[in-house]
Every structure is written in structure tokens, then in C-alpha cells.
Amino acid sequence: MKKTLSVLLALVLVLSIACAVSADEKVTLNLWHRWGGATEAAVQEVVDAFEAANPDIEVEVTAKAGEYFELLQSMIADAAAGNKLPDIFIGGYAMLNYIADELNVVTVDKLAPNEEALNEVYARYGDILKVASFKGQQIGLPYALSNMVMWVNMDIWADAGLTEDDIPATYEDLTKCLEQIVEKTGKNGACLATNDNWIDQVLSMSHGGGIITDDLDRVTFNNDAVIGEMTWWQDLYTRGLIPKCTYTEMATMFYAGDVAVYCATIMNESTFREYCTFDYKAWPMPTFEGFEKKLPVGGSALISFTQDPAMYEYTWRMMDFMSSDEAMQIWATKSGYVCPTSAEVPTTVNQDVCLSQFPCCSNYLCWPGGSVGLEIDSIWTNTRNAILHDGLDVAETLAAVDAECNEMLDNA
């Protein structure tokens, strides 16, 4: 009996030492993202599930609430301070060219342990895989997937004497609805999200053009498509159909029930569930009369900057898990984004509207010029807002900013 007890105690001691060694040898991965609120909670739940399934890996999560460009700039500043880039960076599709050209990104094929594993993960995505690629390189795996929808406060809509039959298919018809809303309810007509250049691509594409050339090497602000949509948009401000406010104020005003129409990402679904006390619905985005509707895909990808080949295995395991059916059941259900993979995830009526628009979608176009593109983004945003808020001459201002930004690209 004593001998048996001694053996048991010895085994317990060995197991205790093994556990201690195992705990000490845990691998740490760093993950950066830009979300707060319900979306941040969804990321953390996915991370928790991954850690539970992979006890040898610990994930340190850094959340920098804001926009994708702000997250990128924060990461660049962190790297300049001597810190290593994150193992997994959830970066916006709008930044893929900068990441590909300026940073030491590790493409997905380099992380995969073998071709079979790589193809198995790729097969989960189908055609959506291309939204996280740039010039033939698979920079990352699609994660946050969205397109822009027209959120409508159905209570204000009804108070204005409008019905679902009046939901506009064109921007010209939207203008008429906004006139009726402002006149009959005194509420603000609409807000179009101006946090980045996404809305500019949406409007210009649906007016027969774009703000970036087809070869992705230059900007093109001085064309009929951009002049036309900017003239329409500026007119809404001039006539008081859109309030002059910041992007943050737009969202707050919609939550408060003071804006009838809010053109923004489907991702707002999770926040609206929490804050909106009125009846709201997502409707398809309009297009301009005589033009086909085109929408760039929004969202972000799982991107890796793991530099140590010995860490590829662990980074791959996490990216594999985050794109799995199990993780997508958490992520797409709770974040507000739609599922980018073939996983069977329940959707809401509003997410179904987003999904219905994907046949009209194309890749989000990135600013050209690498680091110069970051400067162009700031110049364009400030110029666009000045046109809208200050009533600058549309054609003259667009011609000037077009020349300025393309000269920057020529001299880069």
C-alpha cells in the first residue's frame, strides 16, 4: 500500500512539473484590431474559444478603437518605437497596397504548413477570397465583410407619409423623399458616412466612374462621375437635407432618432440592436439614374507580420481557427458583419439585404503610392468635406486636388 501511494505521489509530482513547464512554455501571439463595443466583445469571444482549444497558445489582444487608417498609423508608430509588428493584424481592405508595398507582410501561403492545409482554408471562401488580395498576392484572409446599406428610421419615414413602396432605388428619388421628410417632420433627412473614402467610391462607382484609375496607379477626381455625384451631394447640404456634422455625430444622431436615413456599413447592426429604440430597417443602396449600381466591399482581413518562421505554425493555427465554422458562428452572429466563408451562420433580415448586394460588389480600391497614399487620403478627406460643408466650387476644387495628388505620385 505504501509502495502504491509512493508511486502515485511520484506521478502527481511529475505531472505537476510537466504542467508547470507547459505553462512556462506557452507561446504568445499578438493580435491588433480597431473595434470597441459589441464588435470588440465578439473578437474576444473568438480569442477565448481559440485559447481554450489551444492551451499552449496565449493571445495578447490590442484594441485601438477608431478607423482602419488610425489603427495602421498606430501600428507604424509602435514599430518605429522598436516594437515588433503584430502576429495578426485585422486591417482594412483599403490598406492592402500599403501593407503589400511598404511593410514586411507574410502572405498566407508562407504561413500554411502545406498546400493541402492552404487549399482547405481557401476553399472556405470561394470568390470572396479575392477581396484580401493585392496584385496576385494573398495578403490575408477575409474576416470582417460588409457593404454599405441604407439604414432607414421607419418611424420618421411613416411620419413623413412614406411607405416601404417609397424606398428609393435611385439617388434622385432619395432626394425627393428627403425633401418630404424635412418638410413634414422637421427631422434631419440623411447622413452619408464620411469616416473614410468608402462612400466616395460607392457614389462615384454608381455614377459611372471612380476616384482611382483602373490600373490603380493614379487618382482621378476630375471626371464627370465624381463631379456629378459631388454636385448632387453638395446640393443636399446646401438645401439643409443633410446636417453639417462629423461622422461621430452622424451615428449619434441616428441612434437618437433624429435622422431618417443613414448610409453606412451593415456592421452597425450590432450597435443598433443595443441603442435604437425605434423601428429601423436596412435597405439596398440606390444608384444614379441611368447607371448600374456598384459597391466596393468593406471590412478587413486577417493579416500576419510574424517574422520568425518558428512562429508560423502558431499564427497559422489561429488564422485557421478564426476562419473556421466554429469561430464564424460567434463572429458573424455577434459582430454585425456578414460571414465571409461558406459556414452556415444564421442571418438577420438586415444582413440579408447586405448579402443581396454582393453581386454588385467589387474590391475596395486602395490609394496608390504606398506611404504617399496615406497623405492623399488626408488631403482628399479634407477637400471633400470642404466642398460639402463650405460650398466650394465642385469642378474647380476637384481639378486642383486631382493635380496636386497626381503630382505627389509622380514625385514619389
Protein backbone atom coordinates (compact mmCIF):
# COMPACT_ATOMS: atom_id res chain seq x y z
CA MET A 1 0.00 0.00 0.00
CA LYS A 2 2.83 2.36 0.92
CA LYS A 3 4.58 1.48 -2.31
CA THR A 4 1.45 2.24 -4.32
CA LEU A 5 0.99 5.55 -2.52
CA SER A 6 4.62 6.47 -3.21
CA VAL A 7 4.15 5.73 -6.90
CA LEU A 8 1.01 7.86 -7.02
CA LEU A 9 2.73 10.74 -5.27
CA ALA A 10 5.63 10.48 -7.69
CA LEU A 11 3.23 10.58 -10.64
CA VAL A 12 1.48 13.62 -9.21
CA LEU A 13 4.84 15.33 -8.78
CA VAL A 14 5.87 14.52 -12.37
CA LEU A 15 2.54 15.77 -13.73
CA SER A 16 2.80 18.94 -11.67
CA ILE A 17 6.28 19.64 -13.03
CA ALA A 18 5.09 18.88 -16.57
CA CYS A 19 2.17 21.28 -16.20
CA ALA A 20 4.45 23.96 -14.83
CA VAL A 21 6.88 23.52 -17.73
CA SER A 22 3.95 23.54 -20.17
CA ALA A 23 2.63 26.77 -18.70
CA ASP A 24 6.09 28.36 -18.87
CA GLU A 25 6.47 27.31 -22.50
CA LYS A 26 3.23 28.88 -23.70
CA VAL A 27 3.60 30.72 -26.97
CA THR A 28 2.28 34.28 -27.10
CA LEU A 29 0.63 35.73 -30.19
CA ASN A 30 -0.25 39.40 -30.59
CA LEU A 31 -3.49 40.44 -32.28
CA TRP A 32 -4.45 44.03 -33.13
CA HIS A 33 -7.89 45.31 -34.14
CA ARG A 34 -9.76 48.62 -34.27
CA TRP A 35 -13.11 47.85 -32.66
CA GLY A 36 -14.95 48.63 -29.46
CA GLY A 37 -18.33 47.68 -28.03
CA ALA A 38 -20.15 44.61 -29.30
CA THR A 39 -17.63 44.01 -32.10
CA GLU A 40 -14.70 44.04 -29.69
CA ALA A 41 -16.59 41.59 -27.48
CA ALA A 42 -17.12 39.30 -30.48
CA VAL A 43 -13.37 39.30 -31.24
CA GLN A 44 -12.57 38.49 -27.63
CA GLU A 45 -15.05 35.61 -27.57
CA VAL A 46 -13.38 34.12 -30.65
CA VAL A 47 -9.96 34.55 -28.98
CA ASP A 48 -11.22 32.88 -25.80
CA ALA A 49 -12.53 29.93 -27.81
CA PHE A 50 -9.19 29.62 -29.63
CA GLU A 51 -7.21 29.65 -26.37
CA ALA A 52 -9.49 27.00 -24.89
CA ALA A 53 -8.83 24.76 -27.91
CA ASN A 54 -5.10 25.60 -27.95
CA PRO A 55 -3.86 25.68 -24.34
CA ASP A 56 -0.26 26.06 -25.49
CA ILE A 57 -1.00 29.49 -27.01
CA GLU A 58 -1.83 32.76 -25.28
CA VAL A 59 -3.19 35.70 -27.29
CA GLU A 60 -2.49 39.29 -26.28
CA VAL A 61 -5.18 41.49 -27.82
CA THR A 62 -4.64 45.17 -28.52
CA ALA A 63 -7.77 47.17 -29.34
CA LYS A 64 -7.28 50.63 -30.83
CA ALA A 65 -10.84 51.89 -31.25
CA GLY A 66 -11.15 54.12 -34.31
CA GLU A 67 -10.82 53.75 -38.07
CA TYR A 68 -8.62 51.38 -40.06
CA PHE A 69 -6.18 54.11 -41.11
CA GLU A 70 -5.79 55.18 -37.49
CA LEU A 71 -5.06 51.59 -36.49
CA LEU A 72 -2.44 51.32 -39.23
CA GLN A 73 -0.79 54.59 -38.20
CA SER A 74 -0.73 53.46 -34.57
CA MET A 75 0.93 50.20 -35.56
CA ILE A 76 3.54 52.02 -37.67
CA ALA A 77 4.32 54.35 -34.76
CA ASP A 78 4.60 51.36 -32.42
CA ALA A 79 7.04 49.69 -34.82
CA ALA A 80 9.07 52.91 -35.09
CA ALA A 81 9.45 52.78 -31.31
CA GLY A 82 11.22 49.44 -31.69
CA ASN A 83 8.30 47.08 -31.06
CA LYS A 84 7.61 44.16 -33.34
CA LEU A 85 4.63 44.18 -35.65
CA PRO A 86 1.65 42.06 -34.52
CA ASP A 87 1.38 38.40 -35.44
CA ILE A 88 -2.18 39.03 -36.58
CA PHE A 89 -3.40 42.44 -37.68
CA ILE A 90 -7.04 42.89 -38.63
CA GLY A 91 -6.51 45.55 -41.28
CA GLY A 92 -8.92 47.18 -43.71
CA TYR A 93 -9.10 46.20 -47.37
CA ALA A 94 -8.39 49.87 -48.17
CA MET A 95 -4.83 49.47 -46.87
CA LEU A 96 -3.73 46.34 -48.72
CA ASN A 97 -1.47 48.14 -51.20
CA TYR A 98 0.38 49.99 -48.43
CA ILE A 99 0.77 46.78 -46.45
CA ALA A 100 1.95 44.88 -49.53
CA ASP A 101 4.43 47.51 -50.71
CA GLU A 102 5.67 49.19 -47.53
CA LEU A 103 5.53 46.61 -44.73
CA ASN A 104 7.10 43.20 -44.24
CA VAL A 105 3.86 41.26 -44.54
CA VAL A 106 3.84 37.46 -44.51
CA THR A 107 1.48 36.23 -47.21
CA VAL A 108 -0.96 33.46 -46.36
CA ASP A 109 0.79 30.81 -48.45
CA LYS A 110 4.00 31.25 -46.44
CA LEU A 111 2.20 30.60 -43.14
CA ALA A 112 0.45 27.42 -44.22
CA PRO A 113 2.20 24.17 -43.19
CA ASN A 114 1.45 22.56 -46.56
CA GLU A 115 -0.53 23.04 -49.75
CA GLU A 116 -3.35 20.78 -48.57
CA ALA A 117 -3.97 22.90 -45.47
CA LEU A 118 -3.77 26.09 -47.53
CA ASN A 119 -6.29 24.89 -50.09
CA GLU A 120 -8.65 23.67 -47.38
CA VAL A 121 -8.78 27.15 -45.85
CA TYR A 122 -9.03 28.88 -49.23
CA ALA A 123 -11.97 26.63 -50.15
CA ARG A 124 -13.97 28.08 -47.26
CA TYR A 125 -14.12 31.44 -49.03
CA GLY A 126 -14.75 30.88 -52.72
CA ASP A 127 -14.67 34.11 -54.76
CA ILE A 128 -14.68 36.28 -51.60
CA LEU A 129 -11.04 35.32 -51.08
CA LYS A 130 -10.00 37.93 -53.67
CA VAL A 131 -11.06 40.89 -51.51
CA ALA A 132 -7.99 40.27 -49.32
CA SER A 133 -5.60 40.01 -52.27
CA PHE A 134 -3.48 42.64 -53.99
CA LYS A 135 -1.80 42.27 -57.38
CA GLY A 136 -1.84 38.49 -57.24
CA GLN A 137 -0.68 38.13 -53.64
CA GLN A 138 -2.98 36.76 -50.94
CA ILE A 139 -2.17 39.38 -48.32
CA GLY A 140 -4.63 37.99 -45.79
CA LEU A 141 -7.86 36.10 -45.19
CA PRO A 142 -11.20 37.95 -45.37
CA TYR A 143 -12.64 38.38 -41.89
CA ALA A 144 -14.89 41.40 -41.49
CA LEU A 145 -17.12 41.50 -44.57
CA SER A 146 -19.65 44.18 -45.31
CA ASN A 147 -21.10 46.54 -47.85
CA MET A 148 -22.90 49.82 -47.43
CA VAL A 149 -26.66 49.78 -46.86
CA MET A 150 -29.30 52.46 -46.46
CA TRP A 151 -30.46 52.38 -42.84
CA VAL A 152 -33.93 53.91 -42.53
CA ASN A 153 -35.72 55.07 -39.39
CA MET A 154 -39.11 53.63 -40.33
CA ASP A 155 -40.91 55.73 -37.70
CA ILE A 156 -39.73 59.01 -39.25
CA TRP A 157 -40.37 57.54 -42.69
CA ALA A 158 -44.02 56.85 -41.76
CA ASP A 159 -44.44 60.25 -40.07
CA ALA A 160 -43.46 61.84 -43.38
CA GLY A 161 -46.26 59.96 -45.11
CA LEU A 162 -43.92 57.50 -46.80
CA THR A 163 -44.28 53.71 -47.03
CA GLU A 164 -41.99 50.84 -47.92
CA ASP A 165 -43.14 51.28 -51.52
CA ASP A 166 -41.39 54.66 -51.47
CA ILE A 167 -37.96 53.26 -50.59
CA PRO A 168 -35.84 54.80 -53.38
CA ALA A 169 -33.88 52.84 -55.96
CA THR A 170 -32.10 55.96 -57.22
CA TYR A 171 -30.36 58.87 -55.53
CA GLU A 172 -32.63 61.24 -57.41
CA ASP A 173 -35.68 59.59 -55.81
CA LEU A 174 -33.91 59.66 -52.44
CA THR A 175 -33.64 63.43 -52.77
CA LYS A 176 -37.42 63.70 -53.20
CA CYS A 177 -38.00 61.55 -50.11
CA LEU A 178 -35.62 63.69 -48.05
CA GLU A 179 -37.44 66.86 -49.12
CA GLN A 180 -40.71 65.35 -47.88
CA ILE A 181 -39.17 64.18 -44.61
CA VAL A 182 -37.65 67.54 -43.72
CA GLU A 183 -40.81 69.43 -44.69
CA LYS A 184 -43.30 67.21 -42.86
CA THR A 185 -41.34 66.07 -39.79
CA GLY A 186 -38.67 68.70 -39.17
CA LYS A 187 -36.17 65.88 -38.70
CA ASN A 188 -32.83 65.65 -40.47
CA GLY A 189 -33.13 63.96 -43.83
CA ALA A 190 -29.98 61.89 -44.25
CA CYS A 191 -26.36 61.30 -43.32
CA LEU A 192 -23.80 59.59 -45.54
CA ALA A 193 -20.90 58.14 -43.54
CA THR A 194 -17.77 60.23 -44.16
CA ASN A 195 -15.27 58.44 -41.89
CA ASP A 196 -13.15 57.41 -44.89
CA ASN A 197 -13.31 57.29 -48.71
CA TRP A 198 -15.71 54.34 -48.85
CA ILE A 199 -18.77 56.48 -49.57
CA ASP A 200 -16.82 58.33 -52.26
CA GLN A 201 -16.15 55.06 -54.04
CA VAL A 202 -19.79 54.00 -53.63
CA LEU A 203 -21.15 57.23 -55.14
CA SER A 204 -18.62 57.61 -57.94
CA MET A 205 -18.87 53.95 -58.99
CA SER A 206 -22.65 54.23 -59.09
CA HIS A 207 -22.28 57.32 -61.28
CA GLY A 208 -20.24 55.51 -63.91
CA GLY A 209 -16.68 56.17 -62.72
CA GLY A 210 -14.41 56.14 -59.71
CA ILE A 211 -11.77 58.06 -57.76
CA ILE A 212 -8.86 55.73 -58.63
CA THR A 213 -7.78 54.69 -62.12
CA ASP A 214 -8.31 51.15 -63.36
CA ASP A 215 -4.58 50.43 -63.24
CA LEU A 216 -4.60 51.51 -59.56
CA ASP A 217 -1.62 53.83 -60.16
CA ARG A 218 -3.24 57.28 -60.10
CA VAL A 219 -6.19 59.16 -58.62
CA THR A 220 -8.95 60.54 -60.81
CA PHE A 221 -11.06 63.18 -59.09
CA ASN A 222 -11.54 65.44 -62.10
CA ASN A 223 -14.04 63.39 -64.11
CA ASP A 224 -17.75 63.56 -64.89
CA ALA A 225 -18.67 60.77 -62.47
CA VAL A 226 -17.06 62.41 -59.43
CA ILE A 227 -18.13 65.93 -60.41
CA GLY A 228 -21.71 64.72 -60.86
CA GLU A 229 -22.03 62.83 -57.59
CA MET A 230 -20.25 65.55 -55.59
CA THR A 231 -22.55 68.20 -57.06
CA TRP A 232 -25.59 66.11 -56.03
CA TRP A 233 -24.16 65.53 -52.56
CA GLN A 234 -23.19 69.17 -52.01
CA ASP A 235 -26.70 70.25 -53.00
CA LEU A 236 -28.18 68.15 -50.18
CA TYR A 237 -26.02 70.07 -47.70
CA THR A 238 -26.82 73.44 -49.27
CA ARG A 239 -30.56 72.78 -49.04
CA GLY A 240 -30.42 71.53 -45.47
CA LEU A 241 -31.35 67.95 -46.32
CA ILE A 242 -28.13 66.74 -44.68
CA PRO A 243 -26.89 68.28 -41.41
CA LYS A 244 -23.34 69.64 -41.25
CA CYS A 245 -21.77 67.39 -38.64
CA THR A 246 -18.91 64.98 -38.02
CA TYR A 247 -19.08 61.27 -38.70
CA THR A 248 -19.30 60.53 -34.96
CA GLU A 249 -22.19 62.95 -34.63
CA MET A 250 -23.98 61.27 -37.54
CA ALA A 251 -24.07 57.92 -35.78
CA THR A 252 -25.20 59.50 -32.51
CA MET A 253 -27.99 61.42 -34.25
CA PHE A 254 -29.27 58.25 -35.89
CA TYR A 255 -29.25 56.36 -32.58
CA ALA A 256 -31.20 59.25 -31.04
CA GLY A 257 -33.88 59.08 -33.74
CA ASP A 258 -33.04 62.47 -35.27
CA VAL A 259 -32.04 61.29 -38.77
CA ALA A 260 -34.29 59.45 -41.20
CA VAL A 261 -31.70 57.85 -43.49
CA TYR A 262 -28.15 56.80 -42.67
CA CYS A 263 -26.00 55.32 -45.44
CA ALA A 264 -23.32 53.28 -43.69
CA THR A 265 -21.91 49.80 -43.12
CA ILE A 266 -24.04 46.78 -42.26
CA MET A 267 -21.71 46.36 -39.28
CA ASN A 268 -23.88 48.90 -37.45
CA GLU A 269 -26.42 46.12 -36.95
CA SER A 270 -24.88 45.06 -33.63
CA THR A 271 -24.81 48.62 -32.27
CA PHE A 272 -28.32 49.44 -33.46
CA ARG A 273 -29.66 46.39 -31.62
CA GLU A 274 -28.29 47.88 -28.43
CA TYR A 275 -29.13 51.57 -28.79
CA CYS A 276 -32.04 52.14 -31.19
CA THR A 277 -35.49 52.22 -29.61
CA PHE A 278 -37.34 52.88 -32.88
CA ASP A 279 -38.22 50.69 -35.83
CA TYR A 280 -35.31 50.62 -38.28
CA LYS A 281 -34.51 48.58 -41.36
CA ALA A 282 -31.65 48.20 -43.80
CA TRP A 283 -32.48 48.73 -47.46
CA PRO A 284 -30.33 48.33 -50.58
CA MET A 285 -28.21 51.30 -51.59
CA PRO A 286 -29.57 53.32 -54.53
CA THR A 287 -27.74 54.18 -57.73
CA PHE A 288 -27.89 57.20 -60.01
CA GLU A 289 -30.45 57.20 -62.80
CA GLY A 290 -29.12 55.53 -65.92
CA PHE A 291 -26.19 53.84 -64.13
CA GLU A 292 -25.62 50.32 -62.82
CA LYS A 293 -25.22 50.03 -59.06
CA LYS A 294 -21.66 49.21 -57.99
CA LEU A 295 -20.43 48.84 -54.43
CA PRO A 296 -16.91 48.24 -53.10
CA VAL A 297 -16.71 45.59 -50.38
CA GLY A 298 -15.94 46.94 -46.92
CA GLY A 299 -14.34 45.38 -43.87
CA SER A 300 -10.96 43.89 -43.06
CA ALA A 301 -8.68 40.89 -43.33
CA LEU A 302 -6.57 38.73 -41.04
CA ILE A 303 -3.03 39.80 -41.92
CA SER A 304 0.21 38.49 -40.43
CA PHE A 305 3.54 40.17 -39.73
CA THR A 306 5.04 37.16 -37.92
CA GLN A 307 8.74 37.32 -38.84
CA ASP A 308 10.05 34.26 -37.03
CA PRO A 309 9.43 31.13 -39.19
CA ALA A 310 9.25 29.12 -35.97
CA MET A 311 6.09 31.09 -35.14
CA TYR A 312 4.36 30.42 -38.46
CA GLU A 313 2.76 27.26 -37.07
CA TYR A 314 1.06 29.11 -34.22
CA THR A 315 -0.05 32.07 -36.32
CA TRP A 316 -1.46 29.70 -38.92
CA ARG A 317 -3.35 27.77 -36.24
CA MET A 318 -5.03 30.96 -35.11
CA MET A 319 -5.91 32.19 -38.60
CA ASP A 320 -7.19 28.70 -39.43
CA PHE A 321 -9.38 28.76 -36.31
CA MET A 322 -10.65 32.32 -36.88
CA SER A 323 -11.86 31.30 -40.34
CA SER A 324 -13.43 28.05 -39.11
CA ASP A 325 -17.15 27.34 -38.90
CA GLU A 326 -16.95 27.36 -35.09
CA ALA A 327 -15.40 30.83 -34.95
CA MET A 328 -17.70 32.23 -37.65
CA GLN A 329 -20.73 31.15 -35.63
CA ILE A 330 -19.50 33.55 -32.94
CA TRP A 331 -18.09 36.32 -35.11
CA ALA A 332 -20.78 36.77 -37.76
CA THR A 333 -23.62 36.34 -35.28
CA LYS A 334 -22.41 38.91 -32.76
CA SER A 335 -20.27 41.44 -34.66
CA GLY A 336 -22.84 42.67 -37.17
CA TYR A 337 -20.62 41.76 -40.12
CA VAL A 338 -21.75 39.06 -42.54
CA CYS A 339 -19.93 35.74 -42.73
CA PRO A 340 -17.20 35.70 -45.42
CA THR A 341 -16.98 31.90 -45.55
CA SER A 342 -19.34 29.09 -46.51
CA ALA A 343 -20.19 28.44 -42.85
CA GLU A 344 -23.92 28.17 -42.24
CA VAL A 345 -24.45 31.14 -39.92
CA PRO A 346 -27.93 32.48 -39.11
CA THR A 347 -28.53 35.94 -40.59
CA THR A 348 -30.88 38.77 -39.74
CA VAL A 349 -33.25 40.41 -42.22
CA ASN A 350 -30.87 43.36 -42.39
CA GLN A 351 -27.84 41.18 -43.08
CA ASP A 352 -29.82 39.50 -45.85
CA VAL A 353 -30.08 42.91 -47.52
CA CYS A 354 -26.32 43.22 -47.38
CA LEU A 355 -25.88 39.72 -48.81
CA SER A 356 -28.28 40.51 -51.66
CA GLN A 357 -25.97 43.31 -52.82
CA PHE A 358 -22.81 41.22 -53.25
CA PRO A 359 -23.48 40.59 -56.96
CA CYS A 360 -22.96 44.36 -57.33
CA CYS A 361 -19.74 44.37 -55.31
CA SER A 362 -16.08 44.67 -56.26
CA ASN A 363 -12.82 45.07 -54.38
CA TYR A 364 -12.27 48.15 -52.26
CA LEU A 365 -9.74 50.22 -54.25
CA CYS A 366 -6.63 51.29 -52.35
CA TRP A 367 -4.93 54.66 -52.67
CA PRO A 368 -1.82 54.31 -54.85
CA GLY A 369 1.68 55.35 -53.89
CA GLY A 370 2.37 53.46 -50.68
CA SER A 371 3.12 56.00 -47.94
CA VAL A 372 2.11 58.82 -50.31
CA GLY A 373 -1.33 57.23 -50.38
CA LEU A 374 -1.70 57.91 -46.67
CA GLU A 375 -1.09 61.60 -47.36
CA ILE A 376 -3.55 61.54 -50.27
CA ASP A 377 -6.20 60.06 -48.01
CA SER A 378 -5.93 63.00 -45.63
CA ILE A 379 -5.88 65.56 -48.45
CA TRP A 380 -8.88 64.00 -50.15
CA THR A 381 -10.95 63.74 -46.97
CA ASN A 382 -10.30 67.36 -46.03
CA THR A 383 -11.04 68.58 -49.57
CA ARG A 384 -14.23 66.56 -49.88
CA ASN A 385 -15.52 67.85 -46.54
CA ALA A 386 -14.71 71.44 -47.53
CA ILE A 387 -16.68 71.00 -50.76
CA LEU A 388 -19.68 69.68 -48.84
CA HIS A 389 -19.62 71.95 -45.80
CA ASP A 390 -18.18 75.18 -47.23
CA GLY A 391 -19.78 75.18 -50.66
CA LEU A 392 -16.54 75.28 -52.67
CA ASP A 393 -16.86 75.16 -56.46
CA VAL A 394 -17.02 71.44 -57.21
CA ALA A 395 -15.31 71.27 -60.61
CA GLU A 396 -12.54 73.75 -59.79
CA THR A 397 -11.75 72.18 -56.44
CA LEU A 398 -11.69 68.64 -57.83
CA ALA A 399 -9.39 69.71 -60.66
CA ALA A 400 -6.98 71.30 -58.20
CA VAL A 401 -6.85 68.34 -55.80
CA ASP A 402 -6.52 65.93 -58.73
CA ALA A 403 -3.46 67.78 -60.00
CA GLU A 404 -1.95 68.07 -56.51
CA CYS A 405 -2.27 64.40 -55.65
CA ASN A 406 -1.09 63.07 -59.00
CA GLU A 407 1.95 65.35 -58.82
CA MET A 408 2.72 63.80 -55.43
CA LEU A 409 2.52 60.35 -57.04
CA ASP A 410 4.76 61.43 -59.94
CA ASN A 411 7.40 62.68 -57.50
CA ALA A 412 7.21 59.71 -55.14
